[in-house]
PDB file of N, CA and C in Angstrom:
ATOM      1  N   MET A   1      17.833 -20.091 -21.725  1.00  0.00           N
ATOM      2  CA  MET A   1      18.746 -19.314 -22.842  1.00  0.00           C
ATOM      3  C   MET A   1      20.143 -19.164 -21.881  1.00  0.00           C
ATOM      4  N   GLU A   2      20.190 -19.846 -20.800  1.00  0.00           N
ATOM      5  CA  GLU A   2      21.625 -19.798 -20.160  1.00  0.00           C
ATOM      6  C   GLU A   2      22.595 -20.589 -20.595  1.00  0.00           C
ATOM      7  N   SER A   3      23.797 -20.318 -20.460  1.00  0.00           N
ATOM      8  CA  SER A   3      24.766 -21.148 -20.453  1.00  0.00           C
ATOM      9  C   SER A   3      26.058 -20.673 -20.124  1.00  0.00           C
ATOM     10  N   SER A   4      26.939 -21.856 -19.394  1.00  0.00           N
ATOM     11  CA  SER A   4      27.860 -21.197 -18.553  1.00  0.00           C
ATOM     12  C   SER A   4      27.846 -20.271 -17.739  1.00  0.00           C
ATOM     13  N   GLY A   5      26.432 -20.184 -17.189  1.00  0.00           N
ATOM     14  CA  GLY A   5      26.167 -19.437 -16.185  1.00  0.00           C
ATOM     15  C   GLY A   5      25.839 -17.714 -16.451  1.00  0.00           C
ATOM     16  N   GLU A   6      25.973 -17.491 -17.977  1.00  0.00           N
ATOM     17  CA  GLU A   6      25.938 -16.203 -18.297  1.00  0.00           C
ATOM     18  C   GLU A   6      24.590 -16.238 -19.155  1.00  0.00           C
ATOM     19  N   ARG A   7      24.009 -15.147 -18.854  1.00  0.00           N
ATOM     20  CA  ARG A   7      22.648 -15.226 -19.567  1.00  0.00           C
ATOM     21  C   ARG A   7      22.792 -14.631 -20.892  1.00  0.00           C
ATOM     22  N   LYS A   8      22.213 -14.867 -21.982  1.00  0.00           N
ATOM     23  CA  LYS A   8      22.643 -14.597 -23.301  1.00  0.00           C
ATOM     24  C   LYS A   8      21.480 -13.653 -24.068  1.00  0.00           C
ATOM     25  N   LEU A   9      21.809 -12.760 -24.859  1.00  0.00           N
ATOM     26  CA  LEU A   9      20.835 -11.955 -25.549  1.00  0.00           C
ATOM     27  C   LEU A   9      20.990 -12.490 -27.189  1.00  0.00           C
ATOM     28  N   ARG A  10      19.617 -12.138 -27.953  1.00  0.00           N
ATOM     29  CA  ARG A  10      19.701 -12.765 -29.009  1.00  0.00           C
ATOM     30  C   ARG A  10      19.026 -11.717 -29.858  1.00  0.00           C
ATOM     31  N   PHE A  11      19.668 -10.958 -30.674  1.00  0.00           N
ATOM     32  CA  PHE A  11      18.882  -9.693 -31.399  1.00  0.00           C
ATOM     33  C   PHE A  11      18.460 -10.116 -32.817  1.00  0.00           C
ATOM     34  N   LYS A  12      17.440  -9.874 -33.097  1.00  0.00           N
ATOM     35  CA  LYS A  12      17.106 -10.192 -34.615  1.00  0.00           C
ATOM     36  C   LYS A  12      17.357  -8.814 -35.237  1.00  0.00           C
ATOM     37  N   THR A  13      18.296  -8.580 -36.235  1.00  0.00           N
ATOM     38  CA  THR A  13      18.446  -7.412 -36.890  1.00  0.00           C
ATOM     39  C   THR A  13      17.616  -6.932 -38.282  1.00  0.00           C
ATOM     40  N   SER A  14      17.802  -5.882 -38.576  1.00  0.00           N
ATOM     41  CA  SER A  14      16.881  -5.441 -39.974  1.00  0.00           C
ATOM     42  C   SER A  14      17.339  -6.179 -41.132  1.00  0.00           C
ATOM     43  N   ASP A  15      18.455  -6.977 -41.238  1.00  0.00           N
ATOM     44  CA  ASP A  15      18.726  -7.758 -42.377  1.00  0.00           C
ATOM     45  C   ASP A  15      18.453  -9.262 -41.889  1.00  0.00           C
ATOM     46  N   ASP A  16      17.776  -9.553 -40.755  1.00  0.00           N
ATOM     47  CA  ASP A  16      17.013 -10.917 -40.434  1.00  0.00           C
ATOM     48  C   ASP A  16      18.111 -11.729 -39.970  1.00  0.00           C
ATOM     49  N   GLN A  17      19.232 -11.104 -39.409  1.00  0.00           N
ATOM     50  CA  GLN A  17      20.425 -12.013 -38.996  1.00  0.00           C
ATOM     51  C   GLN A  17      20.079 -11.984 -37.426  1.00  0.00           C
ATOM     52  N   ILE A  18      20.309 -13.227 -36.805  1.00  0.00           N
ATOM     53  CA  ILE A  18      20.663 -13.233 -35.277  1.00  0.00           C
ATOM     54  C   ILE A  18      21.793 -13.119 -34.820  1.00  0.00           C
ATOM     55  N   ILE A  19      21.903 -12.512 -33.648  1.00  0.00           N
ATOM     56  CA  ILE A  19      23.291 -12.158 -33.346  1.00  0.00           C
ATOM     57  C   ILE A  19      23.101 -12.312 -31.742  1.00  0.00           C
ATOM     58  N   GLU A  20      23.966 -13.425 -30.998  1.00  0.00           N
ATOM     59  CA  GLU A  20      23.813 -13.536 -29.843  1.00  0.00           C
ATOM     60  C   GLU A  20      24.827 -13.078 -29.164  1.00  0.00           C
ATOM     61  N   THR A  21      24.813 -12.472 -27.856  1.00  0.00           N
ATOM     62  CA  THR A  21      25.931 -12.134 -27.138  1.00  0.00           C
ATOM     63  C   THR A  21      25.603 -12.261 -25.610  1.00  0.00           C
ATOM     64  N   GLU A  22      26.477 -12.206 -24.784  1.00  0.00           N
ATOM     65  CA  GLU A  22      26.193 -12.058 -23.413  1.00  0.00           C
ATOM     66  C   GLU A  22      25.139 -10.819 -22.996  1.00  0.00           C
ATOM     67  N   GLU A  23      24.605 -10.933 -21.877  1.00  0.00           N
ATOM     68  CA  GLU A  23      23.594  -9.817 -21.631  1.00  0.00           C
ATOM     69  C   GLU A  23      24.730  -8.989 -20.782  1.00  0.00           C
ATOM     70  N   LYS A  24      25.722  -9.187 -20.111  1.00  0.00           N
ATOM     71  CA  LYS A  24      26.456  -7.972 -19.663  1.00  0.00           C
ATOM     72  C   LYS A  24      27.103  -7.272 -20.586  1.00  0.00           C
ATOM     73  N   THR A  25      27.397  -7.533 -21.927  1.00  0.00           N
ATOM     74  CA  THR A  25      27.549  -6.611 -22.932  1.00  0.00           C
ATOM     75  C   THR A  25      26.913  -5.483 -22.901  1.00  0.00           C
ATOM     76  N   PHE A  26      25.640  -5.813 -22.698  1.00  0.00           N
ATOM     77  CA  PHE A  26      24.826  -4.404 -23.117  1.00  0.00           C
ATOM     78  C   PHE A  26      24.376  -3.712 -21.717  1.00  0.00           C
ATOM     79  N   LYS A  27      25.012  -4.043 -20.752  1.00  0.00           N
ATOM     80  CA  LYS A  27      24.679  -3.087 -19.412  1.00  0.00           C
ATOM     81  C   LYS A  27      24.752  -1.841 -19.493  1.00  0.00           C
ATOM     82  N   LEU A  28      25.290  -0.977 -20.645  1.00  0.00           N
ATOM     83  CA  LEU A  28      25.118   0.230 -20.739  1.00  0.00           C
ATOM     84  C   LEU A  28      23.998   0.688 -21.541  1.00  0.00           C
ATOM     85  N   SER A  29      23.081   0.000 -22.030  1.00  0.00           N
ATOM     86  CA  SER A  29      22.100   0.051 -22.908  1.00  0.00           C
ATOM     87  C   SER A  29      20.975   0.322 -22.016  1.00  0.00           C
ATOM     88  N   GLN A  30      20.597   1.451 -21.848  1.00  0.00           N
ATOM     89  CA  GLN A  30      18.857   1.543 -21.326  1.00  0.00           C
ATOM     90  C   GLN A  30      17.888   1.154 -21.692  1.00  0.00           C
ATOM     91  N   THR A  31      18.039   1.088 -23.400  1.00  0.00           N
ATOM     92  CA  THR A  31      17.067   0.801 -24.240  1.00  0.00           C
ATOM     93  C   THR A  31      16.848  -0.600 -23.766  1.00  0.00           C
ATOM     94  N   ILE A  32      18.080  -1.509 -24.021  1.00  0.00           N
ATOM     95  CA  ILE A  32      17.902  -2.917 -23.598  1.00  0.00           C
ATOM     96  C   ILE A  32      17.259  -3.400 -22.308  1.00  0.00           C
ATOM     97  N   GLU A  33      17.931  -2.511 -21.396  1.00  0.00           N
ATOM     98  CA  GLU A  33      17.532  -2.690 -19.823  1.00  0.00           C
ATOM     99  C   GLU A  33      16.208  -2.781 -19.772  1.00  0.00           C
ATOM    100  N   ASP A  34      15.511  -1.579 -20.482  1.00  0.00           N
ATOM    101  CA  ASP A  34      14.025  -1.283 -20.290  1.00  0.00           C
ATOM    102  C   ASP A  34      13.458  -2.468 -21.030  1.00  0.00           C
ATOM    103  N   TYR A  35      13.519  -2.690 -22.138  1.00  0.00           N
ATOM    104  CA  TYR A  35      13.094  -3.678 -23.088  1.00  0.00           C
ATOM    105  C   TYR A  35      12.967  -5.028 -22.407  1.00  0.00           C
ATOM    106  N   ILE A  36      14.156  -5.602 -21.604  1.00  0.00           N
ATOM    107  CA  ILE A  36      14.092  -6.745 -20.713  1.00  0.00           C
ATOM    108  C   ILE A  36      13.012  -6.713 -19.520  1.00  0.00           C
ATOM    109  N   GLU A  37      13.362  -5.403 -18.906  1.00  0.00           N
ATOM    110  CA  GLU A  37      12.200  -5.266 -17.701  1.00  0.00           C
ATOM    111  C   GLU A  37      10.840  -5.318 -18.060  1.00  0.00           C
ATOM    112  N   ASN A  38      10.456  -4.730 -19.523  1.00  0.00           N
ATOM    113  CA  ASN A  38       9.074  -4.407 -19.872  1.00  0.00           C
ATOM    114  C   ASN A  38       8.451  -6.033 -20.136  1.00  0.00           C
ATOM    115  N   ASN A  39       9.673  -6.633 -20.767  1.00  0.00           N
ATOM    116  CA  ASN A  39       9.037  -8.151 -21.198  1.00  0.00           C
ATOM    117  C   ASN A  39       9.197  -9.177 -19.848  1.00  0.00           C
ATOM    118  N   GLU A  40       9.491  -8.713 -18.717  1.00  0.00           N
ATOM    119  CA  GLU A  40       9.620  -9.572 -17.722  1.00  0.00           C
ATOM    120  C   GLU A  40      10.746 -10.677 -17.764  1.00  0.00           C
ATOM    121  N   GLY A  41      11.844 -10.282 -18.071  1.00  0.00           N
ATOM    122  CA  GLY A  41      12.809 -11.318 -18.421  1.00  0.00           C
ATOM    123  C   GLY A  41      13.249 -11.027 -19.779  1.00  0.00           C
ATOM    124  N   ILE A  42      14.585 -11.819 -20.048  1.00  0.00           N
ATOM    125  CA  ILE A  42      14.863 -11.891 -21.277  1.00  0.00           C
ATOM    126  C   ILE A  42      14.022 -12.815 -22.449  1.00  0.00           C
ATOM    127  N   PRO A  43      13.466 -11.888 -23.481  1.00  0.00           N
ATOM    128  CA  PRO A  43      12.916 -12.795 -24.554  1.00  0.00           C
ATOM    129  C   PRO A  43      13.687 -13.533 -25.397  1.00  0.00           C
ATOM    130  N   GLU A  44      13.129 -14.430 -26.165  1.00  0.00           N
ATOM    131  CA  GLU A  44      13.705 -15.469 -27.010  1.00  0.00           C
ATOM    132  C   GLU A  44      14.530 -14.443 -28.101  1.00  0.00           C
ATOM    133  N   GLU A  45      13.967 -13.276 -28.567  1.00  0.00           N
ATOM    134  CA  GLU A  45      14.848 -12.700 -29.545  1.00  0.00           C
ATOM    135  C   GLU A  45      14.341 -11.032 -29.344  1.00  0.00           C
ATOM    136  N   ILE A  46      15.267 -10.209 -29.435  1.00  0.00           N
ATOM    137  CA  ILE A  46      15.046  -8.758 -29.316  1.00  0.00           C
ATOM    138  C   ILE A  46      14.960  -8.133 -30.734  1.00  0.00           C
ATOM    139  N   PRO A  47      13.944  -7.523 -31.182  1.00  0.00           N
ATOM    140  CA  PRO A  47      14.054  -7.229 -32.723  1.00  0.00           C
ATOM    141  C   PRO A  47      14.832  -5.844 -32.635  1.00  0.00           C
ATOM    142  N   LEU A  48      15.526  -5.667 -33.582  1.00  0.00           N
ATOM    143  CA  LEU A  48      16.399  -4.290 -33.766  1.00  0.00           C
ATOM    144  C   LEU A  48      15.853  -4.222 -35.407  1.00  0.00           C
ATOM    145  N   GLU A  49      14.651  -3.435 -35.675  1.00  0.00           N
ATOM    146  CA  GLU A  49      14.352  -3.385 -36.969  1.00  0.00           C
ATOM    147  C   GLU A  49      15.035  -2.172 -37.850  1.00  0.00           C
ATOM    148  N   SER A  50      16.022  -1.418 -37.071  1.00  0.00           N
ATOM    149  CA  SER A  50      16.603  -0.160 -37.770  1.00  0.00           C
ATOM    150  C   SER A  50      18.027  -0.439 -37.956  1.00  0.00           C
ATOM    151  N   ILE A  51      18.327  -1.416 -37.141  1.00  0.00           N
ATOM    152  CA  ILE A  51      19.810  -2.005 -37.069  1.00  0.00           C
ATOM    153  C   ILE A  51      20.565  -3.056 -37.752  1.00  0.00           C
ATOM    154  N   SER A  52      21.243  -2.990 -38.599  1.00  0.00           N
ATOM    155  CA  SER A  52      21.713  -3.905 -39.508  1.00  0.00           C
ATOM    156  C   SER A  52      22.703  -4.818 -38.464  1.00  0.00           C
ATOM    157  N   SER A  53      23.019  -5.942 -39.140  1.00  0.00           N
ATOM    158  CA  SER A  53      23.774  -6.878 -38.351  1.00  0.00           C
ATOM    159  C   SER A  53      25.517  -6.423 -38.400  1.00  0.00           C
ATOM    160  N   THR A  54      25.784  -5.729 -39.391  1.00  0.00           N
ATOM    161  CA  THR A  54      26.932  -5.080 -39.594  1.00  0.00           C
ATOM    162  C   THR A  54      27.237  -3.884 -38.154  1.00  0.00           C
ATOM    163  N   THR A  55      26.415  -3.246 -38.213  1.00  0.00           N
ATOM    164  CA  THR A  55      26.371  -2.265 -37.213  1.00  0.00           C
ATOM    165  C   THR A  55      26.348  -2.875 -35.887  1.00  0.00           C
ATOM    166  N   LEU A  56      25.486  -3.867 -35.672  1.00  0.00           N
ATOM    167  CA  LEU A  56      25.405  -4.034 -34.226  1.00  0.00           C
ATOM    168  C   LEU A  56      26.755  -4.854 -33.950  1.00  0.00           C
ATOM    169  N   LYS A  57      27.295  -5.761 -34.985  1.00  0.00           N
ATOM    170  CA  LYS A  57      28.474  -6.415 -34.471  1.00  0.00           C
ATOM    171  C   LYS A  57      29.604  -5.282 -34.169  1.00  0.00           C
ATOM    172  N   LYS A  58      29.561  -4.081 -34.764  1.00  0.00           N
ATOM    173  CA  LYS A  58      30.707  -3.137 -34.176  1.00  0.00           C
ATOM    174  C   LYS A  58      30.132  -2.454 -32.834  1.00  0.00           C
ATOM    175  N   ILE A  59      28.684  -2.265 -32.687  1.00  0.00           N
ATOM    176  CA  ILE A  59      28.409  -1.901 -31.477  1.00  0.00           C
ATOM    177  C   ILE A  59      28.904  -3.044 -30.305  1.00  0.00           C
ATOM    178  N   ILE A  60      28.372  -4.271 -30.607  1.00  0.00           N
ATOM    179  CA  ILE A  60      29.093  -5.142 -29.772  1.00  0.00           C
ATOM    180  C   ILE A  60      30.490  -5.033 -29.535  1.00  0.00           C
ATOM    181  N   LYS A  61      31.272  -4.957 -30.681  1.00  0.00           N
ATOM    182  CA  LYS A  61      32.723  -5.051 -30.524  1.00  0.00           C
ATOM    183  C   LYS A  61      33.409  -3.640 -29.532  1.00  0.00           C
ATOM    184  N   TRP A  62      32.599  -2.713 -29.501  1.00  0.00           N
ATOM    185  CA  TRP A  62      32.881  -1.541 -28.950  1.00  0.00           C
ATOM    186  C   TRP A  62      32.430  -1.681 -27.488  1.00  0.00           C
ATOM    187  N   LEU A  63      31.333  -2.348 -27.131  1.00  0.00           N
ATOM    188  CA  LEU A  63      30.775  -2.490 -25.797  1.00  0.00           C
ATOM    189  C   LEU A  63      31.673  -3.568 -25.149  1.00  0.00           C
ATOM    190  N   GLU A  64      32.198  -4.411 -25.802  1.00  0.00           N
ATOM    191  CA  GLU A  64      33.053  -5.605 -25.161  1.00  0.00           C
ATOM    192  C   GLU A  64      34.373  -4.638 -24.870  1.00  0.00           C
ATOM    193  N   TYR A  65      35.066  -3.680 -25.679  1.00  0.00           N
ATOM    194  CA  TYR A  65      36.054  -3.066 -25.650  1.00  0.00           C
ATOM    195  C   TYR A  65      35.861  -2.224 -24.374  1.00  0.00           C
ATOM    196  N   TYR A  66      34.818  -1.531 -24.263  1.00  0.00           N
ATOM    197  CA  TYR A  66      34.628  -0.371 -23.108  1.00  0.00           C
ATOM    198  C   TYR A  66      34.343  -1.049 -22.023  1.00  0.00           C
ATOM    199  N   ASN A  67      33.547  -2.380 -21.827  1.00  0.00           N
ATOM    200  CA  ASN A  67      33.439  -2.913 -20.687  1.00  0.00           C
ATOM    201  C   ASN A  67      34.717  -3.722 -20.068  1.00  0.00           C
ATOM    202  N   ASN A  68      35.587  -3.893 -20.930  1.00  0.00           N
ATOM    203  CA  ASN A  68      36.894  -4.460 -20.588  1.00  0.00           C
ATOM    204  C   ASN A  68      38.223  -3.498 -20.271  1.00  0.00           C
ATOM    205  N   HIS A  69      37.895  -2.439 -20.944  1.00  0.00           N
ATOM    206  CA  HIS A  69      38.717  -1.133 -20.656  1.00  0.00           C
ATOM    207  C   HIS A  69      38.366   0.116 -20.111  1.00  0.00           C
ATOM    208  N   GLY A  70      37.391   0.242 -19.780  1.00  0.00           N
ATOM    209  CA  GLY A  70      37.073   1.392 -19.062  1.00  0.00           C
ATOM    210  C   GLY A  70      36.372   2.454 -20.194  1.00  0.00           C
ATOM    211  N   PHE A  71      34.910   5.220 -34.121  1.00  0.00           N
ATOM    212  CA  PHE A  71      33.390   5.979 -34.363  1.00  0.00           C
ATOM    213  C   PHE A  71      33.184   6.331 -35.804  1.00  0.00           C
ATOM    214  N   GLU A  72      32.025   5.826 -35.612  1.00  0.00           N
ATOM    215  CA  GLU A  72      31.502   6.219 -37.113  1.00  0.00           C
ATOM    216  C   GLU A  72      30.018   6.466 -36.703  1.00  0.00           C
ATOM    217  N   GLY A  73      29.634   7.257 -37.847  1.00  0.00           N
ATOM    218  CA  GLY A  73      28.230   7.875 -37.967  1.00  0.00           C
ATOM    219  C   GLY A  73      27.116   6.774 -37.661  1.00  0.00           C
ATOM    220  N   GLU A  74      27.204   5.597 -38.376  1.00  0.00           N
ATOM    221  CA  GLU A  74      26.215   4.775 -37.919  1.00  0.00           C
ATOM    222  C   GLU A  74      26.353   4.196 -36.705  1.00  0.00           C
ATOM    223  N   ILE A  75      27.305   4.072 -35.919  1.00  0.00           N
ATOM    224  CA  ILE A  75      27.381   3.582 -34.377  1.00  0.00           C
ATOM    225  C   ILE A  75      26.844   4.787 -33.620  1.00  0.00           C
ATOM    226  N   LEU A  76      27.172   5.985 -33.947  1.00  0.00           N
ATOM    227  CA  LEU A  76      26.577   6.991 -33.157  1.00  0.00           C
ATOM    228  C   LEU A  76      25.040   6.903 -33.354  1.00  0.00           C
ATOM    229  N   GLU A  77      24.631   6.968 -34.620  1.00  0.00           N
ATOM    230  CA  GLU A  77      23.004   6.788 -34.899  1.00  0.00           C
ATOM    231  C   GLU A  77      22.548   5.520 -33.860  1.00  0.00           C
ATOM    232  N   ALA A  78      23.185   4.420 -33.931  1.00  0.00           N
ATOM    233  CA  ALA A  78      22.457   3.210 -33.433  1.00  0.00           C
ATOM    234  C   ALA A  78      22.879   3.591 -31.868  1.00  0.00           C
ATOM    235  N   SER A  79      23.849   4.105 -31.438  1.00  0.00           N
ATOM    236  CA  SER A  79      23.899   4.322 -29.929  1.00  0.00           C
ATOM    237  C   SER A  79      22.657   5.218 -29.372  1.00  0.00           C
ATOM    238  N   LYS A  80      22.295   6.139 -30.560  1.00  0.00           N
ATOM    239  CA  LYS A  80      21.007   7.160 -30.084  1.00  0.00           C
ATOM    240  C   LYS A  80      19.894   6.338 -29.955  1.00  0.00           C
ATOM    241  N   ILE A  81      19.816   5.008 -30.898  1.00  0.00           N
ATOM    242  CA  ILE A  81      18.629   4.400 -30.511  1.00  0.00           C
ATOM    243  C   ILE A  81      18.377   3.494 -29.612  1.00  0.00           C
ATOM    244  N   LEU A  82      19.678   2.883 -29.427  1.00  0.00           N
ATOM    245  CA  LEU A  82      19.757   1.865 -28.253  1.00  0.00           C
ATOM    246  C   LEU A  82      19.986   2.425 -26.781  1.00  0.00           C
ATOM    247  N   ASP A  83      19.908   3.837 -27.019  1.00  0.00           N
ATOM    248  CA  ASP A  83      20.262   4.682 -25.675  1.00  0.00           C
ATOM    249  C   ASP A  83      21.589   4.258 -24.787  1.00  0.00           C
ATOM    250  N   ILE A  84      22.481   4.220 -25.532  1.00  0.00           N
ATOM    251  CA  ILE A  84      23.754   4.152 -24.648  1.00  0.00           C
ATOM    252  C   ILE A  84      24.652   5.441 -24.767  1.00  0.00           C
ATOM    253  N   ASN A  85      24.112   5.811 -23.903  1.00  0.00           N
ATOM    254  CA  ASN A  85      24.536   7.414 -23.806  1.00  0.00           C
ATOM    255  C   ASN A  85      26.284   7.457 -23.811  1.00  0.00           C
ATOM    256  N   ARG A  86      26.945   6.579 -23.094  1.00  0.00           N
ATOM    257  CA  ARG A  86      28.399   6.796 -22.989  1.00  0.00           C
ATOM    258  C   ARG A  86      29.004   6.659 -24.369  1.00  0.00           C
ATOM    259  N   LEU A  87      28.558   5.840 -25.061  1.00  0.00           N
ATOM    260  CA  LEU A  87      28.704   5.402 -26.477  1.00  0.00           C
ATOM    261  C   LEU A  87      28.576   6.653 -27.368  1.00  0.00           C
ATOM    262  N   MET A  88      27.471   7.225 -27.096  1.00  0.00           N
ATOM    263  CA  MET A  88      26.996   8.515 -27.988  1.00  0.00           C
ATOM    264  C   MET A  88      27.992   9.443 -27.600  1.00  0.00           C
ATOM    265  N   ARG A  89      28.361   9.755 -26.228  1.00  0.00           N
ATOM    266  CA  ARG A  89      29.136  10.941 -26.091  1.00  0.00           C
ATOM    267  C   ARG A  89      30.393  10.629 -26.361  1.00  0.00           C
ATOM    268  N   ALA A  90      31.215   9.460 -26.526  1.00  0.00           N
ATOM    269  CA  ALA A  90      32.338   9.196 -26.808  1.00  0.00           C
ATOM    270  C   ALA A  90      32.607   9.417 -28.352  1.00  0.00           C
ATOM    271  N   GLY A  91      31.136   8.969 -29.141  1.00  0.00           N
ATOM    272  CA  GLY A  91      31.147   9.476 -30.568  1.00  0.00           C
ATOM    273  C   GLY A  91      31.108  10.876 -30.937  1.00  0.00           C
ATOM    274  N   CYS A  92      30.383  11.593 -30.324  1.00  0.00           N
ATOM    275  CA  CYS A  92      30.445  12.876 -30.208  1.00  0.00           C
ATOM    276  C   CYS A  92      31.795  13.679 -30.090  1.00  0.00           C
ATOM    277  N   ALA A  93      32.223  13.242 -29.108  1.00  0.00           N
ATOM    278  CA  ALA A  93      33.752  13.838 -28.708  1.00  0.00           C
ATOM    279  C   ALA A  93      34.569  13.607 -29.857  1.00  0.00           C
ATOM    280  N   TYR A  94      34.462  12.437 -30.199  1.00  0.00           N
ATOM    281  CA  TYR A  94      35.416  11.582 -31.582  1.00  0.00           C
ATOM    282  C   TYR A  94      35.105  12.862 -32.527  1.00  0.00           C
ATOM    283  N   MET A  95      33.912  12.989 -32.797  1.00  0.00           N
ATOM    284  CA  MET A  95      33.553  13.711 -33.941  1.00  0.00           C
ATOM    285  C   MET A  95      33.887  15.264 -33.782  1.00  0.00           C
ATOM    286  N   ALA A  96      33.999  15.599 -32.439  1.00  0.00           N
ATOM    287  CA  ALA A  96      34.345  16.940 -32.606  1.00  0.00           C
ATOM    288  C   ALA A  96      35.980  17.333 -32.440  1.00  0.00           C
ATOM    289  N   THR A  97      36.737  16.345 -32.145  1.00  0.00           N
ATOM    290  CA  THR A  97      38.117  16.413 -32.551  1.00  0.00           C
ATOM    291  C   THR A  97      38.641  16.299 -33.973  1.00  0.00           C
ATOM    292  N   LEU A  98      37.669  15.546 -34.876  1.00  0.00           N
ATOM    293  CA  LEU A  98      37.808  15.689 -36.120  1.00  0.00           C
ATOM    294  C   LEU A  98      37.702  16.779 -36.715  1.00  0.00           C
ATOM    295  N   VAL A  99      36.717  17.545 -36.209  1.00  0.00           N
ATOM    296  CA  VAL A  99      36.376  18.988 -36.821  1.00  0.00           C
ATOM    297  C   VAL A  99      37.204  20.343 -36.157  1.00  0.00           C
ATOM    298  N   ARG A 100      37.707  19.958 -34.908  1.00  0.00           N
ATOM    299  CA  ARG A 100      38.492  20.927 -34.338  1.00  0.00           C
ATOM    300  C   ARG A 100      39.127  21.895 -35.267  1.00  0.00           C
ATOM    301  N   GLY A 101      39.247  23.306 -35.212  1.00  0.00           N
ATOM    302  CA  GLY A 101      39.920  23.959 -35.911  1.00  0.00           C
ATOM    303  C   GLY A 101      39.486  24.222 -37.245  1.00  0.00           C
ATOM    304  N   SER A 102      38.403  23.794 -37.767  1.00  0.00           N
ATOM    305  CA  SER A 102      38.111  23.850 -39.107  1.00  0.00           C
ATOM    306  C   SER A 102      37.175  25.071 -38.980  1.00  0.00           C
ATOM    307  N   ASN A 103      36.946  25.458 -40.400  1.00  0.00           N
ATOM    308  CA  ASN A 103      36.013  26.915 -40.254  1.00  0.00           C
ATOM    309  C   ASN A 103      34.871  26.384 -40.983  1.00  0.00           C
ATOM    310  N   VAL A 104      33.819  27.134 -40.936  1.00  0.00           N
ATOM    311  CA  VAL A 104      32.429  26.845 -41.433  1.00  0.00           C
ATOM    312  C   VAL A 104      32.468  26.010 -42.668  1.00  0.00           C
ATOM    313  N   GLU A 105      33.285  26.284 -43.693  1.00  0.00           N
ATOM    314  CA  GLU A 105      32.996  25.730 -45.165  1.00  0.00           C
ATOM    315  C   GLU A 105      33.306  24.079 -44.687  1.00  0.00           C
ATOM    316  N   GLU A 106      34.951  23.992 -44.148  1.00  0.00           N
ATOM    317  CA  GLU A 106      35.275  22.784 -43.848  1.00  0.00           C
ATOM    318  C   GLU A 106      34.164  21.887 -43.071  1.00  0.00           C
ATOM    319  N   MET A 107      33.475  22.634 -42.024  1.00  0.00           N
ATOM    320  CA  MET A 107      32.525  21.812 -41.352  1.00  0.00           C
ATOM    321  C   MET A 107      31.141  21.228 -42.268  1.00  0.00           C
ATOM    322  N   LYS A 108      30.968  22.395 -42.988  1.00  0.00           N
ATOM    323  CA  LYS A 108      29.770  21.867 -43.842  1.00  0.00           C
ATOM    324  C   LYS A 108      30.051  20.639 -44.840  1.00  0.00           C
ATOM    325  N   ASN A 109      31.408  20.578 -45.639  1.00  0.00           N
ATOM    326  CA  ASN A 109      31.659  19.684 -46.099  1.00  0.00           C
ATOM    327  C   ASN A 109      31.993  18.322 -45.504  1.00  0.00           C
ATOM    328  N   PHE A 110      32.564  18.573 -44.197  1.00  0.00           N
ATOM    329  CA  PHE A 110      32.764  17.324 -43.352  1.00  0.00           C
ATOM    330  C   PHE A 110      31.272  16.488 -42.843  1.00  0.00           C
ATOM    331  N   PHE A 111      30.297  17.431 -42.479  1.00  0.00           N
ATOM    332  CA  PHE A 111      28.958  16.808 -42.191  1.00  0.00           C
ATOM    333  C   PHE A 111      28.132  16.493 -43.444  1.00  0.00           C
ATOM    334  N   ALA A 112      28.513  16.994 -44.645  1.00  0.00           N
ATOM    335  CA  ALA A 112      27.677  16.936 -45.745  1.00  0.00           C
ATOM    336  C   ALA A 112      26.726  17.864 -45.670  1.00  0.00           C
ATOM    337  N   PHE A 113      26.546  18.783 -45.309  1.00  0.00           N
ATOM    338  CA  PHE A 113      25.449  20.091 -45.107  1.00  0.00           C
ATOM    339  C   PHE A 113      25.212  20.420 -46.807  1.00  0.00           C
ATOM    340  N   ASP A 114      24.100  20.223 -47.046  1.00  0.00           N
ATOM    341  CA  ASP A 114      23.428  21.042 -48.169  1.00  0.00           C
ATOM    342  C   ASP A 114      22.762  22.246 -47.845  1.00  0.00           C
ATOM    343  N   SER A 115      23.293  23.289 -47.699  1.00  0.00           N
ATOM    344  CA  SER A 115      22.735  24.491 -46.891  1.00  0.00           C
ATOM    345  C   SER A 115      23.171  25.692 -47.445  1.00  0.00           C
ATOM    346  N   ASP A 116      21.869  26.638 -47.807  1.00  0.00           N
ATOM    347  CA  ASP A 116      22.047  27.459 -48.297  1.00  0.00           C
ATOM    348  C   ASP A 116      22.124  28.918 -47.155  1.00  0.00           C
ATOM    349  N   ASP A 117      22.076  28.341 -45.983  1.00  0.00           N
ATOM    350  CA  ASP A 117      22.137  29.399 -44.897  1.00  0.00           C
ATOM    351  C   ASP A 117      23.251  30.353 -44.829  1.00  0.00           C
ATOM    352  N   ASP A 118      23.363  31.499 -44.289  1.00  0.00           N
ATOM    353  CA  ASP A 118      24.190  32.392 -44.301  1.00  0.00           C
ATOM    354  C   ASP A 118      25.191  31.615 -42.981  1.00  0.00           C
ATOM    355  N   ASP A 119      26.492  31.695 -43.534  1.00  0.00           N
ATOM    356  CA  ASP A 119      27.511  31.212 -42.361  1.00  0.00           C
ATOM    357  C   ASP A 119      27.323  31.653 -40.892  1.00  0.00           C
ATOM    358  N   GLU A 120      27.211  32.793 -40.916  1.00  0.00           N
ATOM    359  CA  GLU A 120      26.763  33.452 -39.507  1.00  0.00           C
ATOM    360  C   GLU A 120      25.640  32.708 -38.878  1.00  0.00           C
ATOM    361  N   GLU A 121      24.690  32.461 -39.480  1.00  0.00           N
ATOM    362  CA  GLU A 121      23.312  31.536 -38.627  1.00  0.00           C
ATOM    363  C   GLU A 121      23.935  30.120 -38.184  1.00  0.00           C
ATOM    364  N   LEU A 122      24.571  29.553 -39.105  1.00  0.00           N
ATOM    365  CA  LEU A 122      25.358  28.358 -38.637  1.00  0.00           C
ATOM    366  C   LEU A 122      26.369  28.408 -37.713  1.00  0.00           C
ATOM    367  N   MET A 123      26.715  29.429 -37.243  1.00  0.00           N
ATOM    368  CA  MET A 123      27.575  29.699 -36.169  1.00  0.00           C
ATOM    369  C   MET A 123      26.877  29.762 -34.826  1.00  0.00           C
ATOM    370  N   VAL A 124      25.693  30.009 -34.685  1.00  0.00           N
ATOM    371  CA  VAL A 124      24.759  30.216 -33.698  1.00  0.00           C
ATOM    372  C   VAL A 124      24.506  28.717 -32.826  1.00  0.00           C
TER     373      VAL A 124
END
């Protein structure tokens, strides 16, 4: 599975697509690192049963950018599944900037909360 000296990872997504990328792209993912270690090397395919090919391509694009340079809800969720803490923190920081200065009602709408809770309870 090596070509040009760089080891490749092949992911099988929830929509049965196979996506290949360089191993170094996923150096930030503790989940992928653990998976490789637990399988005693890179398996032929790494199953990602709850991540679509569209979402995985976005994560790869972000990781490539991040790896070379130092958000969306689906990416945030996938970063949690893959245990990519830097991506999760970046996504949370981005979301925080979007709601900064918003009142409770605006935040409920932004995050699509359907809650009958008292506004004071949500502020805690």
